[in-house]
Amino acid sequence: MFVPIDEMPESARIWIYQTDRFLTEQEASALTDSLITFCEHWTAHKKDLKASAALFHRCLLVLAVDETQQEASGCSVDKSVNFLHAVEEELGVGFFDRYSVAWKNEEGELQLSNKEEFETLVRKEVIQAETPVFNNLLQTIGQLRTNWEIPFSKSWHSRLFSTLV
């Protein structure tokens, strides 16, 4: 059963995926439609999941499940991963590079960088302590609402990349 993401409880479990490029408006619209359809039919142990999905900034995808209704099982998570692999192939986009970083430049524009690009930006001090980055390792909607976009200095990214400065 699909539920809009803003109606999901704070405790809803989430998975965040980031594309390796910005989707076009047309791709984003088609993906959003596919996500809704996927959530409407997403099950665990033959029981409907109260699920949601949303695409933010044409590059950040959030899947959510209200596990107070029905827990997501390993098989149901596998279904979502398989769905995203099919989308990758269809759109020619990647969702599974965990070292890809979404961040905002001084003008507040969202940027996507792979690990090597981001390392270079940290070395050149383009990325500074207060540079906003997106923490895609969050586990609940509540965390997403309060701690998704955070300063580089308070993120896991700083621990990984701070040795470069």
N, C-alpha and C. Protein backbone atom coordinates (compact mmCIF):
# COMPACT_ATOMS: atom_id res chain seq x y z
N MET A 1 0.85 -1.17 0.00
CA MET A 1 0.00 0.00 0.00
C MET A 1 0.91 1.24 0.00
N PHE A 2 0.69 2.13 -0.97
CA PHE A 2 1.47 3.36 -1.06
C PHE A 2 0.89 4.43 -0.15
N VAL A 3 1.77 5.11 0.57
CA VAL A 3 1.41 6.23 1.43
C VAL A 3 2.39 7.36 1.09
N PRO A 4 1.92 8.59 0.93
CA PRO A 4 2.87 9.69 0.69
C PRO A 4 3.92 9.76 1.80
N ILE A 5 5.14 10.07 1.42
CA ILE A 5 6.25 10.02 2.37
C ILE A 5 6.05 10.97 3.56
N ASP A 6 5.38 12.09 3.34
CA ASP A 6 5.18 13.03 4.46
C ASP A 6 4.13 12.53 5.45
N GLU A 7 3.45 11.43 5.12
CA GLU A 7 2.48 10.82 6.03
C GLU A 7 3.05 9.60 6.77
N MET A 8 4.30 9.28 6.50
CA MET A 8 4.93 8.14 7.17
C MET A 8 5.36 8.55 8.58
N PRO A 9 5.27 7.62 9.54
CA PRO A 9 5.66 7.95 10.91
C PRO A 9 7.18 8.12 11.04
N GLU A 10 7.57 8.82 12.08
CA GLU A 10 9.00 9.07 12.34
C GLU A 10 9.80 7.76 12.38
N SER A 11 9.18 6.70 12.85
CA SER A 11 9.88 5.42 13.03
C SER A 11 10.00 4.59 11.76
N ALA A 12 9.39 5.04 10.66
CA ALA A 12 9.42 4.26 9.42
C ALA A 12 10.87 4.02 8.98
N ARG A 13 11.15 2.79 8.59
CA ARG A 13 12.48 2.40 8.14
C ARG A 13 12.69 2.93 6.73
N ILE A 14 13.90 3.42 6.45
CA ILE A 14 14.18 3.97 5.12
C ILE A 14 15.45 3.38 4.52
N TRP A 15 15.50 3.50 3.20
CA TRP A 15 16.69 3.20 2.41
C TRP A 15 16.85 4.37 1.47
N ILE A 16 18.05 4.93 1.41
CA ILE A 16 18.31 6.08 0.56
C ILE A 16 19.27 5.64 -0.54
N TYR A 17 18.91 5.97 -1.76
CA TYR A 17 19.76 5.68 -2.92
C TYR A 17 20.00 6.99 -3.66
N GLN A 18 21.21 7.14 -4.13
CA GLN A 18 21.58 8.35 -4.87
C GLN A 18 21.99 7.96 -6.27
N THR A 19 21.47 8.69 -7.23
CA THR A 19 21.86 8.43 -8.62
C THR A 19 23.26 8.98 -8.88
N ASP A 20 23.87 8.49 -9.94
CA ASP A 20 25.20 8.98 -10.30
C ASP A 20 25.14 10.17 -11.26
N ARG A 21 23.92 10.60 -11.58
CA ARG A 21 23.70 11.80 -12.38
C ARG A 21 22.30 12.29 -12.08
N PHE A 22 22.04 13.56 -12.40
CA PHE A 22 20.69 14.09 -12.23
C PHE A 22 19.80 13.50 -13.31
N LEU A 23 18.61 13.06 -12.94
CA LEU A 23 17.65 12.58 -13.91
C LEU A 23 17.01 13.76 -14.62
N THR A 24 16.60 13.54 -15.85
CA THR A 24 15.85 14.58 -16.55
C THR A 24 14.47 14.67 -15.90
N GLU A 25 13.75 15.74 -16.19
CA GLU A 25 12.39 15.89 -15.65
C GLU A 25 11.53 14.70 -16.09
N GLN A 26 11.67 14.30 -17.34
CA GLN A 26 10.88 13.18 -17.86
C GLN A 26 11.24 11.87 -17.15
N GLU A 27 12.53 11.62 -16.98
CA GLU A 27 12.97 10.42 -16.25
C GLU A 27 12.47 10.44 -14.82
N ALA A 28 12.57 11.59 -14.16
CA ALA A 28 12.14 11.72 -12.76
C ALA A 28 10.65 11.45 -12.63
N SER A 29 9.86 11.97 -13.55
CA SER A 29 8.42 11.76 -13.53
C SER A 29 8.07 10.28 -13.73
N ALA A 30 8.72 9.66 -14.71
CA ALA A 30 8.48 8.24 -14.98
C ALA A 30 8.91 7.38 -13.79
N LEU A 31 10.05 7.72 -13.18
CA LEU A 31 10.53 6.96 -12.02
C LEU A 31 9.57 7.12 -10.85
N THR A 32 9.07 8.31 -10.62
CA THR A 32 8.12 8.54 -9.53
C THR A 32 6.88 7.69 -9.73
N ASP A 33 6.37 7.64 -10.94
CA ASP A 33 5.20 6.79 -11.23
C ASP A 33 5.52 5.32 -10.96
N SER A 34 6.70 4.87 -11.39
CA SER A 34 7.10 3.47 -11.17
C SER A 34 7.27 3.17 -9.69
N LEU A 35 7.79 4.13 -8.94
CA LEU A 35 7.96 3.93 -7.49
C LEU A 35 6.62 3.76 -6.79
N ILE A 36 5.65 4.57 -7.18
CA ILE A 36 4.32 4.46 -6.58
C ILE A 36 3.73 3.09 -6.88
N THR A 37 3.84 2.66 -8.13
CA THR A 37 3.33 1.34 -8.51
C THR A 37 4.05 0.24 -7.74
N PHE A 38 5.37 0.35 -7.62
CA PHE A 38 6.14 -0.64 -6.86
C PHE A 38 5.64 -0.71 -5.43
N CYS A 39 5.48 0.45 -4.79
CA CYS A 39 5.04 0.48 -3.39
C CYS A 39 3.64 -0.08 -3.21
N GLU A 40 2.77 0.15 -4.19
CA GLU A 40 1.40 -0.37 -4.11
C GLU A 40 1.38 -1.89 -4.10
N HIS A 41 2.40 -2.52 -4.66
CA HIS A 41 2.44 -3.99 -4.77
C HIS A 41 3.54 -4.63 -3.93
N TRP A 42 4.26 -3.83 -3.15
CA TRP A 42 5.39 -4.33 -2.36
C TRP A 42 4.85 -5.14 -1.18
N THR A 43 5.35 -6.35 -1.03
CA THR A 43 4.88 -7.24 0.02
C THR A 43 6.06 -7.87 0.77
N ALA A 44 5.74 -8.38 1.95
CA ALA A 44 6.66 -9.20 2.73
C ALA A 44 5.84 -10.38 3.24
N HIS A 45 6.28 -11.57 2.92
CA HIS A 45 5.56 -12.78 3.33
C HIS A 45 4.09 -12.71 2.91
N LYS A 46 3.87 -12.25 1.69
CA LYS A 46 2.55 -12.16 1.06
C LYS A 46 1.61 -11.16 1.74
N LYS A 47 2.18 -10.30 2.58
CA LYS A 47 1.38 -9.25 3.22
C LYS A 47 1.83 -7.90 2.67
N ASP A 48 0.86 -7.03 2.41
CA ASP A 48 1.17 -5.69 1.90
C ASP A 48 2.02 -4.92 2.89
N LEU A 49 2.99 -4.20 2.36
CA LEU A 49 3.77 -3.28 3.18
C LEU A 49 3.16 -1.89 3.07
N LYS A 50 3.10 -1.20 4.17
CA LYS A 50 2.71 0.21 4.15
C LYS A 50 3.99 0.95 3.77
N ALA A 51 4.07 1.33 2.50
CA ALA A 51 5.33 1.80 1.94
C ALA A 51 5.20 3.15 1.26
N SER A 52 6.33 3.77 1.12
CA SER A 52 6.39 5.05 0.44
C SER A 52 7.69 5.15 -0.32
N ALA A 53 7.70 6.05 -1.26
CA ALA A 53 8.92 6.35 -2.02
C ALA A 53 8.81 7.77 -2.53
N ALA A 54 9.96 8.41 -2.60
CA ALA A 54 9.98 9.77 -3.14
C ALA A 54 11.35 10.02 -3.75
N LEU A 55 11.34 10.83 -4.78
CA LEU A 55 12.58 11.25 -5.43
C LEU A 55 12.77 12.74 -5.14
N PHE A 56 13.91 13.07 -4.56
CA PHE A 56 14.23 14.46 -4.21
C PHE A 56 15.35 14.96 -5.11
N HIS A 57 15.22 16.17 -5.58
CA HIS A 57 16.27 16.84 -6.35
C HIS A 57 16.66 16.08 -7.62
N ARG A 58 15.79 15.22 -8.09
CA ARG A 58 16.04 14.41 -9.29
C ARG A 58 17.28 13.51 -9.17
N CYS A 59 17.67 13.19 -7.89
CA CYS A 59 18.84 12.32 -7.73
C CYS A 59 18.86 11.54 -6.42
N LEU A 60 18.00 11.86 -5.49
CA LEU A 60 18.00 11.20 -4.18
C LEU A 60 16.67 10.47 -3.98
N LEU A 61 16.74 9.17 -3.94
CA LEU A 61 15.54 8.34 -3.85
C LEU A 61 15.44 7.76 -2.45
N VAL A 62 14.27 7.89 -1.86
CA VAL A 62 14.02 7.36 -0.52
C VAL A 62 12.87 6.35 -0.61
N LEU A 63 13.13 5.15 -0.14
CA LEU A 63 12.10 4.13 0.05
C LEU A 63 11.84 4.03 1.55
N ALA A 64 10.58 3.86 1.93
CA ALA A 64 10.23 3.80 3.35
C ALA A 64 9.18 2.73 3.59
N VAL A 65 9.27 2.10 4.76
CA VAL A 65 8.29 1.11 5.18
C VAL A 65 7.92 1.37 6.64
N ASP A 66 6.61 1.44 6.90
CA ASP A 66 6.12 1.55 8.27
C ASP A 66 6.07 0.14 8.83
N GLU A 67 7.09 -0.22 9.60
CA GLU A 67 7.19 -1.59 10.10
C GLU A 67 6.30 -1.86 11.29
N THR A 68 5.54 -0.87 11.75
CA THR A 68 4.55 -1.15 12.79
C THR A 68 3.38 -1.92 12.18
N GLN A 69 3.24 -1.85 10.88
CA GLN A 69 2.17 -2.56 10.17
C GLN A 69 2.63 -3.97 9.76
N GLN A 70 3.82 -4.03 9.15
CA GLN A 70 4.40 -5.29 8.69
C GLN A 70 5.89 -5.03 8.48
N GLU A 71 6.73 -5.88 9.06
CA GLU A 71 8.17 -5.71 8.90
C GLU A 71 8.60 -6.06 7.49
N ALA A 72 9.58 -5.31 7.01
CA ALA A 72 10.19 -5.63 5.72
C ALA A 72 11.10 -6.84 5.93
N SER A 73 10.94 -7.84 5.13
CA SER A 73 11.76 -9.05 5.24
C SER A 73 12.95 -8.95 4.29
N GLY A 74 13.87 -9.87 4.43
CA GLY A 74 15.00 -9.91 3.51
C GLY A 74 14.55 -10.03 2.07
N CYS A 75 13.53 -10.84 1.85
CA CYS A 75 13.01 -11.03 0.49
C CYS A 75 12.37 -9.74 -0.04
N SER A 76 11.69 -9.01 0.84
CA SER A 76 11.06 -7.77 0.37
C SER A 76 12.12 -6.71 0.05
N VAL A 77 13.20 -6.68 0.84
CA VAL A 77 14.30 -5.76 0.53
C VAL A 77 14.93 -6.16 -0.79
N ASP A 78 15.10 -7.47 -1.01
CA ASP A 78 15.64 -7.95 -2.29
C ASP A 78 14.76 -7.51 -3.45
N LYS A 79 13.44 -7.51 -3.26
CA LYS A 79 12.53 -7.04 -4.32
C LYS A 79 12.81 -5.59 -4.67
N SER A 80 13.05 -4.77 -3.64
CA SER A 80 13.32 -3.35 -3.92
C SER A 80 14.65 -3.18 -4.65
N VAL A 81 15.65 -3.94 -4.25
CA VAL A 81 16.96 -3.87 -4.91
C VAL A 81 16.84 -4.33 -6.37
N ASN A 82 16.11 -5.41 -6.60
CA ASN A 82 15.91 -5.88 -7.96
C ASN A 82 15.16 -4.85 -8.80
N PHE A 83 14.16 -4.21 -8.20
CA PHE A 83 13.43 -3.15 -8.89
C PHE A 83 14.40 -2.03 -9.30
N LEU A 84 15.26 -1.62 -8.38
CA LEU A 84 16.20 -0.53 -8.69
C LEU A 84 17.24 -0.94 -9.72
N HIS A 85 17.65 -2.20 -9.71
CA HIS A 85 18.57 -2.67 -10.75
C HIS A 85 17.90 -2.59 -12.13
N ALA A 86 16.62 -2.91 -12.19
CA ALA A 86 15.88 -2.80 -13.45
C ALA A 86 15.79 -1.34 -13.89
N VAL A 87 15.57 -0.45 -12.95
CA VAL A 87 15.52 0.99 -13.26
C VAL A 87 16.88 1.46 -13.76
N GLU A 88 17.95 1.00 -13.11
CA GLU A 88 19.30 1.37 -13.56
C GLU A 88 19.49 1.03 -15.03
N GLU A 89 19.10 -0.18 -15.37
CA GLU A 89 19.27 -0.64 -16.75
C GLU A 89 18.41 0.17 -17.72
N GLU A 90 17.17 0.41 -17.31
CA GLU A 90 16.24 1.15 -18.16
C GLU A 90 16.68 2.60 -18.40
N LEU A 91 17.17 3.25 -17.35
CA LEU A 91 17.52 4.68 -17.45
C LEU A 91 19.01 4.93 -17.70
N GLY A 92 19.83 3.89 -17.59
CA GLY A 92 21.26 4.09 -17.75
C GLY A 92 21.82 4.96 -16.64
N VAL A 93 21.42 4.64 -15.41
CA VAL A 93 21.82 5.41 -14.24
C VAL A 93 22.23 4.44 -13.14
N GLY A 94 23.10 4.88 -12.24
CA GLY A 94 23.52 4.02 -11.14
C GLY A 94 22.93 4.48 -9.81
N PHE A 95 22.56 3.51 -8.97
CA PHE A 95 22.01 3.80 -7.64
C PHE A 95 22.88 3.26 -6.50
N PHE A 96 23.91 2.49 -6.81
CA PHE A 96 24.55 1.71 -5.76
C PHE A 96 26.01 2.08 -5.45
N ASP A 97 26.45 3.27 -5.85
CA ASP A 97 27.79 3.73 -5.49
C ASP A 97 27.68 4.46 -4.16
N ARG A 98 28.00 3.81 -3.07
CA ARG A 98 27.84 4.38 -1.73
C ARG A 98 28.87 5.47 -1.42
N TYR A 99 29.88 5.61 -2.27
CA TYR A 99 30.86 6.67 -2.05
C TYR A 99 30.55 7.92 -2.85
N SER A 100 29.50 7.89 -3.64
CA SER A 100 29.06 9.08 -4.35
C SER A 100 28.47 10.05 -3.33
N VAL A 101 28.75 11.34 -3.49
CA VAL A 101 28.34 12.32 -2.49
C VAL A 101 27.48 13.40 -3.13
N ALA A 102 26.36 13.69 -2.48
CA ALA A 102 25.52 14.83 -2.85
C ALA A 102 25.85 15.94 -1.86
N TRP A 103 26.13 17.13 -2.39
CA TRP A 103 26.51 18.25 -1.54
C TRP A 103 26.05 19.54 -2.22
N LYS A 104 26.07 20.63 -1.45
CA LYS A 104 25.65 21.92 -2.00
C LYS A 104 26.84 22.87 -2.08
N ASN A 105 26.93 23.56 -3.21
CA ASN A 105 28.01 24.53 -3.37
C ASN A 105 27.65 25.84 -2.66
N GLU A 106 28.51 26.83 -2.77
CA GLU A 106 28.31 28.10 -2.07
C GLU A 106 27.02 28.80 -2.48
N GLU A 107 26.54 28.55 -3.70
CA GLU A 107 25.30 29.14 -4.18
C GLU A 107 24.07 28.34 -3.74
N GLY A 108 24.30 27.24 -3.02
CA GLY A 108 23.20 26.40 -2.56
C GLY A 108 22.69 25.43 -3.60
N GLU A 109 23.45 25.25 -4.68
CA GLU A 109 23.05 24.33 -5.74
C GLU A 109 23.56 22.93 -5.43
N LEU A 110 22.69 21.95 -5.61
CA LEU A 110 23.07 20.56 -5.34
C LEU A 110 24.07 20.08 -6.39
N GLN A 111 25.09 19.40 -5.91
CA GLN A 111 26.13 18.84 -6.76
C GLN A 111 26.25 17.34 -6.47
N LEU A 112 26.65 16.58 -7.46
CA LEU A 112 26.93 15.16 -7.29
C LEU A 112 28.39 14.92 -7.64
N SER A 113 29.10 14.23 -6.77
CA SER A 113 30.51 13.94 -7.00
C SER A 113 30.80 12.49 -6.66
N ASN A 114 31.62 11.86 -7.52
CA ASN A 114 32.08 10.53 -7.15
C ASN A 114 33.20 10.68 -6.13
N LYS A 115 33.68 9.58 -5.61
CA LYS A 115 34.66 9.60 -4.53
C LYS A 115 35.90 10.40 -4.92
N GLU A 116 36.43 10.15 -6.10
CA GLU A 116 37.65 10.82 -6.53
C GLU A 116 37.44 12.33 -6.67
N GLU A 117 36.34 12.73 -7.26
CA GLU A 117 36.03 14.16 -7.41
C GLU A 117 35.90 14.82 -6.04
N PHE A 118 35.19 14.15 -5.14
CA PHE A 118 34.97 14.71 -3.81
C PHE A 118 36.29 14.84 -3.06
N GLU A 119 37.16 13.83 -3.17
CA GLU A 119 38.48 13.90 -2.54
C GLU A 119 39.24 15.12 -3.03
N THR A 120 39.21 15.37 -4.32
CA THR A 120 39.89 16.53 -4.90
C THR A 120 39.31 17.83 -4.35
N LEU A 121 37.98 17.89 -4.25
CA LEU A 121 37.33 19.10 -3.72
C LEU A 121 37.68 19.34 -2.25
N VAL A 122 37.84 18.27 -1.48
CA VAL A 122 38.25 18.40 -0.09
C VAL A 122 39.69 18.91 -0.03
N ARG A 123 40.58 18.33 -0.84
CA ARG A 123 41.98 18.76 -0.86
C ARG A 123 42.12 20.23 -1.24
N LYS A 124 41.31 20.66 -2.21
CA LYS A 124 41.37 22.06 -2.67
C LYS A 124 40.59 23.00 -1.77
N GLU A 125 40.01 22.45 -0.72
CA GLU A 125 39.22 23.21 0.26
C GLU A 125 37.99 23.88 -0.34
N VAL A 126 37.48 23.30 -1.44
CA VAL A 126 36.18 23.72 -1.97
C VAL A 126 35.11 23.22 -1.00
N ILE A 127 35.31 22.02 -0.50
CA ILE A 127 34.46 21.46 0.54
C ILE A 127 35.05 21.89 1.87
N GLN A 128 34.27 22.63 2.64
CA GLN A 128 34.74 23.14 3.93
C GLN A 128 33.85 22.59 5.04
N ALA A 129 34.18 22.92 6.27
CA ALA A 129 33.47 22.38 7.44
C ALA A 129 31.96 22.58 7.35
N GLU A 130 31.52 23.73 6.87
CA GLU A 130 30.08 24.04 6.84
C GLU A 130 29.40 23.68 5.52
N THR A 131 30.13 23.11 4.56
CA THR A 131 29.52 22.72 3.29
C THR A 131 28.44 21.67 3.56
N PRO A 132 27.21 21.92 3.10
CA PRO A 132 26.15 20.93 3.32
C PRO A 132 26.37 19.66 2.48
N VAL A 133 26.26 18.52 3.14
CA VAL A 133 26.31 17.22 2.47
C VAL A 133 25.08 16.42 2.89
N PHE A 134 24.74 15.42 2.10
CA PHE A 134 23.58 14.58 2.41
C PHE A 134 24.06 13.26 2.99
N ASN A 135 23.56 12.94 4.17
CA ASN A 135 23.90 11.70 4.86
C ASN A 135 22.91 10.63 4.44
N ASN A 136 23.32 9.79 3.50
CA ASN A 136 22.43 8.76 2.96
C ASN A 136 22.48 7.46 3.74
N LEU A 137 23.06 7.49 4.94
CA LEU A 137 23.13 6.29 5.78
C LEU A 137 22.05 6.25 6.86
N LEU A 138 21.13 7.18 6.81
CA LEU A 138 20.09 7.25 7.83
C LEU A 138 19.17 6.03 7.75
N GLN A 139 18.47 5.75 8.85
CA GLN A 139 17.66 4.54 8.91
C GLN A 139 16.17 4.77 9.14
N THR A 140 15.79 5.99 9.53
CA THR A 140 14.37 6.26 9.79
C THR A 140 13.93 7.58 9.15
N ILE A 141 12.63 7.69 8.95
CA ILE A 141 12.06 8.95 8.44
C ILE A 141 12.37 10.10 9.40
N GLY A 142 12.30 9.85 10.68
CA GLY A 142 12.61 10.89 11.66
C GLY A 142 14.02 11.44 11.46
N GLN A 143 14.98 10.55 11.26
CA GLN A 143 16.35 10.98 11.00
C GLN A 143 16.43 11.76 9.69
N LEU A 144 15.71 11.30 8.70
CA LEU A 144 15.70 11.97 7.40
C LEU A 144 15.21 13.41 7.54
N ARG A 145 14.18 13.58 8.32
CA ARG A 145 13.58 14.91 8.48
C ARG A 145 14.48 15.88 9.24
N THR A 146 15.37 15.37 10.07
CA THR A 146 16.18 16.27 10.90
C THR A 146 17.67 16.24 10.59
N ASN A 147 18.18 15.17 10.00
CA ASN A 147 19.64 15.03 9.85
C ASN A 147 20.10 14.59 8.47
N TRP A 148 19.31 14.82 7.46
CA TRP A 148 19.72 14.37 6.13
C TRP A 148 20.76 15.32 5.54
N GLU A 149 20.45 16.60 5.54
CA GLU A 149 21.39 17.60 5.03
C GLU A 149 22.10 18.20 6.24
N ILE A 150 23.40 17.92 6.34
CA ILE A 150 24.18 18.36 7.50
C ILE A 150 25.52 18.94 7.05
N PRO A 151 26.17 19.70 7.90
CA PRO A 151 27.49 20.23 7.56
C PRO A 151 28.51 19.09 7.39
N PHE A 152 29.40 19.26 6.45
CA PHE A 152 30.46 18.28 6.19
C PHE A 152 31.16 17.87 7.49
N SER A 153 31.46 18.84 8.37
CA SER A 153 32.20 18.55 9.61
C SER A 153 31.46 17.60 10.54
N LYS A 154 30.13 17.49 10.41
CA LYS A 154 29.33 16.63 11.29
C LYS A 154 28.90 15.34 10.61
N SER A 155 29.47 15.05 9.44
CA SER A 155 29.03 13.91 8.65
C SER A 155 30.07 12.79 8.67
N TRP A 156 29.63 11.61 8.26
CA TRP A 156 30.56 10.49 8.12
C TRP A 156 31.59 10.81 7.03
N HIS A 157 31.21 11.67 6.09
CA HIS A 157 32.12 12.04 5.01
C HIS A 157 33.41 12.66 5.58
N SER A 158 33.24 13.48 6.62
CA SER A 158 34.42 14.16 7.19
C SER A 158 35.41 13.15 7.78
N ARG A 159 34.89 12.09 8.37
CA ARG A 159 35.77 11.07 8.93
C ARG A 159 36.53 10.34 7.82
N LEU A 160 35.86 10.13 6.70
CA LEU A 160 36.49 9.42 5.59
C LEU A 160 37.47 10.32 4.84
N PHE A 161 37.10 11.57 4.64
CA PHE A 161 37.89 12.44 3.78
C PHE A 161 38.76 13.45 4.53
N SER A 162 38.61 13.59 5.83
CA SER A 162 39.35 14.63 6.56
C SER A 162 40.85 14.39 6.60
N THR A 163 41.28 13.19 6.42
CA THR A 163 42.71 12.89 6.42
C THR A 163 43.40 13.48 5.20
N LEU A 164 42.61 13.96 4.24
CA LEU A 164 43.19 14.51 3.02
C LEU A 164 43.64 15.95 3.19
N VAL A 165 43.10 16.64 4.17
CA VAL A 165 43.38 18.07 4.34
C VAL A 165 44.63 18.30 5.13
